[in-house]
Amino acid sequence: MTPPSRRLEGRVGVVTGAGRGLGREVSRALAAEGMRLLVLARTGTEVRALADELEAAYDVAVLPAAVDVRDAEAVEHPDGDLQVGRPGDGEAEVVKARAVL
């Protein structure tokens, strides 16, 4: 296996559904390339564990957030350090995350 090139270092990504499955694997691949991440999932324990794993394995900043992006109220009024807004098409758009990212 070829070591990652870290070609995404200095960039920030947002991965929804990061708690398991494809979202989790995409998060791992992006972190391996050096990308700082905001990982979102409905289950906080899963994304917190993923954030710890990625930070330790790839030395990147990862901010986990438990939010259901299908729920407009949760997106508009999340808990913690995440603040988001909703553009006209209804998709969630991150407008502020902790300064670590």
N, C-alpha and C. Protein backbone atom coordinates (compact mmCIF):
# COMPACT_ATOMS: atom_id res chain seq x y z
N MET A 1 0.83 -1.17 0.00
CA MET A 1 0.00 0.00 0.00
C MET A 1 0.89 1.25 0.00
N THR A 2 0.61 2.18 -0.88
CA THR A 2 1.37 3.42 -0.98
C THR A 2 0.94 4.37 0.13
N PRO A 3 1.89 5.00 0.83
CA PRO A 3 1.51 5.95 1.88
C PRO A 3 0.78 7.14 1.28
N PRO A 4 -0.13 7.74 2.05
CA PRO A 4 -0.88 8.89 1.54
C PRO A 4 0.06 10.05 1.19
N SER A 5 -0.35 10.85 0.23
CA SER A 5 0.47 11.97 -0.22
C SER A 5 0.24 13.23 0.59
N ARG A 6 -0.84 13.28 1.39
CA ARG A 6 -1.24 14.46 2.16
C ARG A 6 -1.50 15.64 1.23
N ARG A 7 -1.97 15.35 0.03
CA ARG A 7 -2.21 16.40 -0.96
C ARG A 7 -3.37 17.31 -0.60
N LEU A 8 -4.17 16.94 0.40
CA LEU A 8 -5.29 17.78 0.81
C LEU A 8 -4.99 18.59 2.07
N GLU A 9 -3.75 18.57 2.50
CA GLU A 9 -3.35 19.32 3.69
C GLU A 9 -3.68 20.80 3.50
N GLY A 10 -4.22 21.43 4.54
CA GLY A 10 -4.61 22.83 4.47
C GLY A 10 -6.04 23.05 4.04
N ARG A 11 -6.71 22.01 3.64
CA ARG A 11 -8.12 22.12 3.24
C ARG A 11 -9.02 21.59 4.34
N VAL A 12 -10.27 22.01 4.31
CA VAL A 12 -11.26 21.58 5.30
C VAL A 12 -12.41 20.92 4.58
N GLY A 13 -12.83 19.76 5.07
CA GLY A 13 -13.95 19.05 4.48
C GLY A 13 -15.06 18.80 5.48
N VAL A 14 -16.26 18.64 4.96
CA VAL A 14 -17.43 18.31 5.77
C VAL A 14 -17.97 16.98 5.26
N VAL A 15 -18.11 16.01 6.16
CA VAL A 15 -18.64 14.70 5.78
C VAL A 15 -19.89 14.44 6.59
N THR A 16 -21.02 14.26 5.92
CA THR A 16 -22.25 13.88 6.61
C THR A 16 -22.35 12.37 6.59
N GLY A 17 -23.07 11.82 7.55
CA GLY A 17 -23.19 10.37 7.64
C GLY A 17 -21.88 9.72 8.00
N ALA A 18 -21.05 10.43 8.76
CA ALA A 18 -19.69 9.96 9.05
C ALA A 18 -19.65 8.91 10.16
N GLY A 19 -20.75 8.64 10.79
CA GLY A 19 -20.76 7.70 11.90
C GLY A 19 -20.48 6.26 11.52
N ARG A 20 -20.81 5.90 10.29
CA ARG A 20 -20.62 4.50 9.87
C ARG A 20 -20.62 4.40 8.35
N GLY A 21 -20.30 3.24 7.87
CA GLY A 21 -20.39 2.94 6.44
C GLY A 21 -19.53 3.81 5.56
N LEU A 22 -20.11 4.21 4.45
CA LEU A 22 -19.38 4.98 3.44
C LEU A 22 -18.88 6.32 3.98
N GLY A 23 -19.70 7.02 4.76
CA GLY A 23 -19.27 8.30 5.32
C GLY A 23 -18.05 8.15 6.21
N ARG A 24 -18.00 7.09 6.98
CA ARG A 24 -16.85 6.83 7.86
C ARG A 24 -15.59 6.56 7.03
N GLU A 25 -15.73 5.77 5.98
CA GLU A 25 -14.58 5.43 5.13
C GLU A 25 -14.11 6.64 4.34
N VAL A 26 -15.03 7.49 3.88
CA VAL A 26 -14.64 8.72 3.19
C VAL A 26 -13.86 9.61 4.15
N SER A 27 -14.33 9.70 5.39
CA SER A 27 -13.63 10.50 6.41
C SER A 27 -12.20 10.00 6.61
N ARG A 28 -12.04 8.70 6.69
CA ARG A 28 -10.71 8.12 6.86
C ARG A 28 -9.81 8.45 5.67
N ALA A 29 -10.35 8.32 4.47
CA ALA A 29 -9.55 8.59 3.27
C ALA A 29 -9.13 10.05 3.20
N LEU A 30 -10.04 10.96 3.52
CA LEU A 30 -9.71 12.39 3.48
C LEU A 30 -8.68 12.76 4.55
N ALA A 31 -8.86 12.22 5.75
CA ALA A 31 -7.91 12.48 6.84
C ALA A 31 -6.52 11.94 6.48
N ALA A 32 -6.48 10.78 5.85
CA ALA A 32 -5.20 10.19 5.45
C ALA A 32 -4.46 11.09 4.48
N GLU A 33 -5.20 11.89 3.73
CA GLU A 33 -4.60 12.82 2.77
C GLU A 33 -4.33 14.19 3.41
N GLY A 34 -4.57 14.31 4.72
CA GLY A 34 -4.22 15.53 5.43
C GLY A 34 -5.32 16.55 5.58
N MET A 35 -6.53 16.24 5.16
CA MET A 35 -7.64 17.21 5.25
C MET A 35 -8.17 17.30 6.68
N ARG A 36 -8.39 18.53 7.15
CA ARG A 36 -9.07 18.75 8.42
C ARG A 36 -10.56 18.55 8.16
N LEU A 37 -11.28 17.99 9.16
CA LEU A 37 -12.64 17.58 8.90
C LEU A 37 -13.64 18.04 9.94
N LEU A 38 -14.84 18.28 9.48
CA LEU A 38 -16.03 18.39 10.31
C LEU A 38 -16.84 17.15 9.98
N VAL A 39 -16.98 16.23 10.94
CA VAL A 39 -17.69 14.98 10.70
C VAL A 39 -19.05 15.04 11.39
N LEU A 40 -20.10 14.80 10.64
CA LEU A 40 -21.47 14.89 11.13
C LEU A 40 -22.16 13.54 11.06
N ALA A 41 -22.94 13.25 12.09
CA ALA A 41 -23.78 12.05 12.10
C ALA A 41 -24.85 12.24 13.16
N ARG A 42 -25.88 11.43 13.09
CA ARG A 42 -26.94 11.52 14.08
C ARG A 42 -26.50 11.00 15.44
N THR A 43 -25.52 10.12 15.45
CA THR A 43 -25.06 9.51 16.69
C THR A 43 -23.74 10.13 17.13
N GLY A 44 -23.77 10.89 18.21
CA GLY A 44 -22.59 11.59 18.69
C GLY A 44 -21.46 10.67 19.10
N THR A 45 -21.79 9.55 19.73
CA THR A 45 -20.72 8.66 20.20
C THR A 45 -19.90 8.11 19.03
N GLU A 46 -20.55 7.84 17.92
CA GLU A 46 -19.83 7.30 16.76
C GLU A 46 -18.90 8.33 16.15
N VAL A 47 -19.36 9.57 15.99
CA VAL A 47 -18.47 10.57 15.37
C VAL A 47 -17.38 11.04 16.33
N ARG A 48 -17.66 11.03 17.64
CA ARG A 48 -16.60 11.38 18.60
C ARG A 48 -15.49 10.33 18.56
N ALA A 49 -15.89 9.06 18.50
CA ALA A 49 -14.89 7.99 18.42
C ALA A 49 -14.10 8.08 17.11
N LEU A 50 -14.79 8.39 16.02
CA LEU A 50 -14.11 8.54 14.73
C LEU A 50 -13.13 9.71 14.77
N ALA A 51 -13.54 10.82 15.36
CA ALA A 51 -12.66 12.00 15.46
C ALA A 51 -11.39 11.64 16.23
N ASP A 52 -11.55 10.94 17.35
CA ASP A 52 -10.38 10.53 18.14
C ASP A 52 -9.45 9.63 17.32
N GLU A 53 -10.06 8.69 16.60
CA GLU A 53 -9.28 7.77 15.76
C GLU A 53 -8.50 8.51 14.69
N LEU A 54 -9.16 9.42 13.98
CA LEU A 54 -8.52 10.12 12.87
C LEU A 54 -7.44 11.09 13.35
N GLU A 55 -7.70 11.77 14.44
CA GLU A 55 -6.69 12.69 14.98
C GLU A 55 -5.43 11.93 15.39
N ALA A 56 -5.60 10.77 16.02
CA ALA A 56 -4.46 9.97 16.46
C ALA A 56 -3.71 9.34 15.27
N ALA A 57 -4.46 8.83 14.32
CA ALA A 57 -3.83 8.11 13.21
C ALA A 57 -3.20 9.02 12.17
N TYR A 58 -3.80 10.19 11.92
CA TYR A 58 -3.37 11.02 10.79
C TYR A 58 -2.91 12.42 11.17
N ASP A 59 -2.93 12.74 12.47
CA ASP A 59 -2.47 14.04 12.95
C ASP A 59 -3.18 15.19 12.22
N VAL A 60 -4.51 15.11 12.18
CA VAL A 60 -5.33 16.17 11.60
C VAL A 60 -6.38 16.60 12.63
N ALA A 61 -6.86 17.83 12.51
CA ALA A 61 -7.92 18.32 13.38
C ALA A 61 -9.26 17.80 12.85
N VAL A 62 -10.06 17.25 13.76
CA VAL A 62 -11.36 16.72 13.39
C VAL A 62 -12.38 17.20 14.43
N LEU A 63 -13.44 17.85 13.97
CA LEU A 63 -14.50 18.31 14.84
C LEU A 63 -15.73 17.44 14.62
N PRO A 64 -16.13 16.66 15.62
CA PRO A 64 -17.33 15.84 15.48
C PRO A 64 -18.56 16.63 15.91
N ALA A 65 -19.69 16.37 15.25
CA ALA A 65 -20.94 17.01 15.63
C ALA A 65 -22.09 16.05 15.42
N ALA A 66 -22.92 15.91 16.46
CA ALA A 66 -24.11 15.07 16.35
C ALA A 66 -25.25 15.96 15.87
N VAL A 67 -25.63 15.79 14.63
CA VAL A 67 -26.73 16.56 14.05
C VAL A 67 -27.36 15.75 12.92
N ASP A 68 -28.67 15.79 12.85
CA ASP A 68 -29.39 15.13 11.77
C ASP A 68 -29.66 16.19 10.72
N VAL A 69 -28.93 16.18 9.61
CA VAL A 69 -29.07 17.22 8.61
C VAL A 69 -30.41 17.18 7.89
N ARG A 70 -31.20 16.13 8.12
CA ARG A 70 -32.55 16.07 7.56
C ARG A 70 -33.55 16.85 8.40
N ASP A 71 -33.14 17.23 9.61
CA ASP A 71 -34.02 17.93 10.55
C ASP A 71 -33.69 19.42 10.54
N ALA A 72 -34.54 20.23 9.93
CA ALA A 72 -34.28 21.66 9.78
C ALA A 72 -34.05 22.34 11.13
N GLU A 73 -34.79 21.99 12.15
CA GLU A 73 -34.63 22.60 13.47
C GLU A 73 -33.26 22.28 14.05
N ALA A 74 -32.81 21.04 13.91
CA ALA A 74 -31.50 20.65 14.43
C ALA A 74 -30.38 21.36 13.67
N VAL A 75 -30.57 21.57 12.39
CA VAL A 75 -29.55 22.24 11.58
C VAL A 75 -29.48 23.72 11.93
N GLU A 76 -30.62 24.34 12.17
CA GLU A 76 -30.64 25.77 12.47
C GLU A 76 -30.21 26.08 13.90
N HIS A 77 -30.38 25.12 14.83
CA HIS A 77 -30.06 25.35 16.24
C HIS A 77 -29.29 24.18 16.83
N PRO A 78 -28.07 23.91 16.32
CA PRO A 78 -27.30 22.78 16.84
C PRO A 78 -26.72 23.08 18.21
N ASP A 79 -26.32 22.03 18.89
CA ASP A 79 -25.64 22.17 20.18
C ASP A 79 -24.16 22.35 19.95
N GLY A 80 -23.49 23.00 20.88
CA GLY A 80 -22.03 23.06 20.88
C GLY A 80 -21.44 24.09 19.95
N ASP A 81 -20.28 23.76 19.38
CA ASP A 81 -19.46 24.70 18.63
C ASP A 81 -19.87 24.87 17.17
N LEU A 82 -20.80 24.10 16.71
CA LEU A 82 -21.19 24.12 15.30
C LEU A 82 -22.33 25.11 15.10
N GLN A 83 -22.18 25.99 14.12
CA GLN A 83 -23.26 26.89 13.72
C GLN A 83 -23.44 26.74 12.23
N VAL A 84 -24.67 26.57 11.80
CA VAL A 84 -24.94 26.38 10.38
C VAL A 84 -26.09 27.27 9.94
N GLY A 85 -26.16 27.50 8.66
CA GLY A 85 -27.28 28.23 8.08
C GLY A 85 -27.87 27.42 6.95
N ARG A 86 -29.06 27.80 6.51
CA ARG A 86 -29.71 27.08 5.42
C ARG A 86 -29.89 28.00 4.23
N PRO A 87 -29.20 27.77 3.14
CA PRO A 87 -29.44 28.57 1.94
C PRO A 87 -30.80 28.25 1.35
N GLY A 88 -31.20 28.96 0.35
CA GLY A 88 -32.54 28.85 -0.22
C GLY A 88 -32.95 27.47 -0.71
N ASP A 89 -32.02 26.63 -1.11
CA ASP A 89 -32.39 25.33 -1.65
C ASP A 89 -32.62 24.28 -0.56
N GLY A 90 -32.47 24.66 0.72
CA GLY A 90 -32.75 23.75 1.81
C GLY A 90 -31.59 22.89 2.26
N GLU A 91 -30.48 22.94 1.54
CA GLU A 91 -29.31 22.18 1.96
C GLU A 91 -28.61 22.86 3.12
N ALA A 92 -28.07 22.09 4.03
CA ALA A 92 -27.35 22.65 5.17
C ALA A 92 -26.00 23.16 4.72
N GLU A 93 -25.62 24.33 5.20
CA GLU A 93 -24.32 24.90 4.86
C GLU A 93 -23.63 25.31 6.15
N VAL A 94 -22.43 24.81 6.35
CA VAL A 94 -21.69 25.16 7.56
C VAL A 94 -21.16 26.58 7.41
N VAL A 95 -21.48 27.44 8.36
CA VAL A 95 -20.99 28.81 8.29
C VAL A 95 -19.98 29.11 9.39
N LYS A 96 -19.92 28.27 10.41
CA LYS A 96 -18.91 28.48 11.45
C LYS A 96 -18.67 27.16 12.16
N ALA A 97 -17.45 26.83 12.35
CA ALA A 97 -17.08 25.69 13.18
C ALA A 97 -15.95 26.17 14.08
N ARG A 98 -15.65 25.42 15.08
CA ARG A 98 -14.61 25.80 16.02
C ARG A 98 -13.34 26.22 15.28
N ALA A 99 -12.62 27.16 15.86
CA ALA A 99 -11.43 27.73 15.21
C ALA A 99 -10.37 26.68 14.88
N VAL A 100 -10.39 25.52 15.51
CA VAL A 100 -9.41 24.47 15.24
C VAL A 100 -9.43 24.06 13.77
N LEU A 101 -10.55 24.20 13.12
CA LEU A 101 -10.63 23.85 11.71
C LEU A 101 -10.23 25.03 10.87
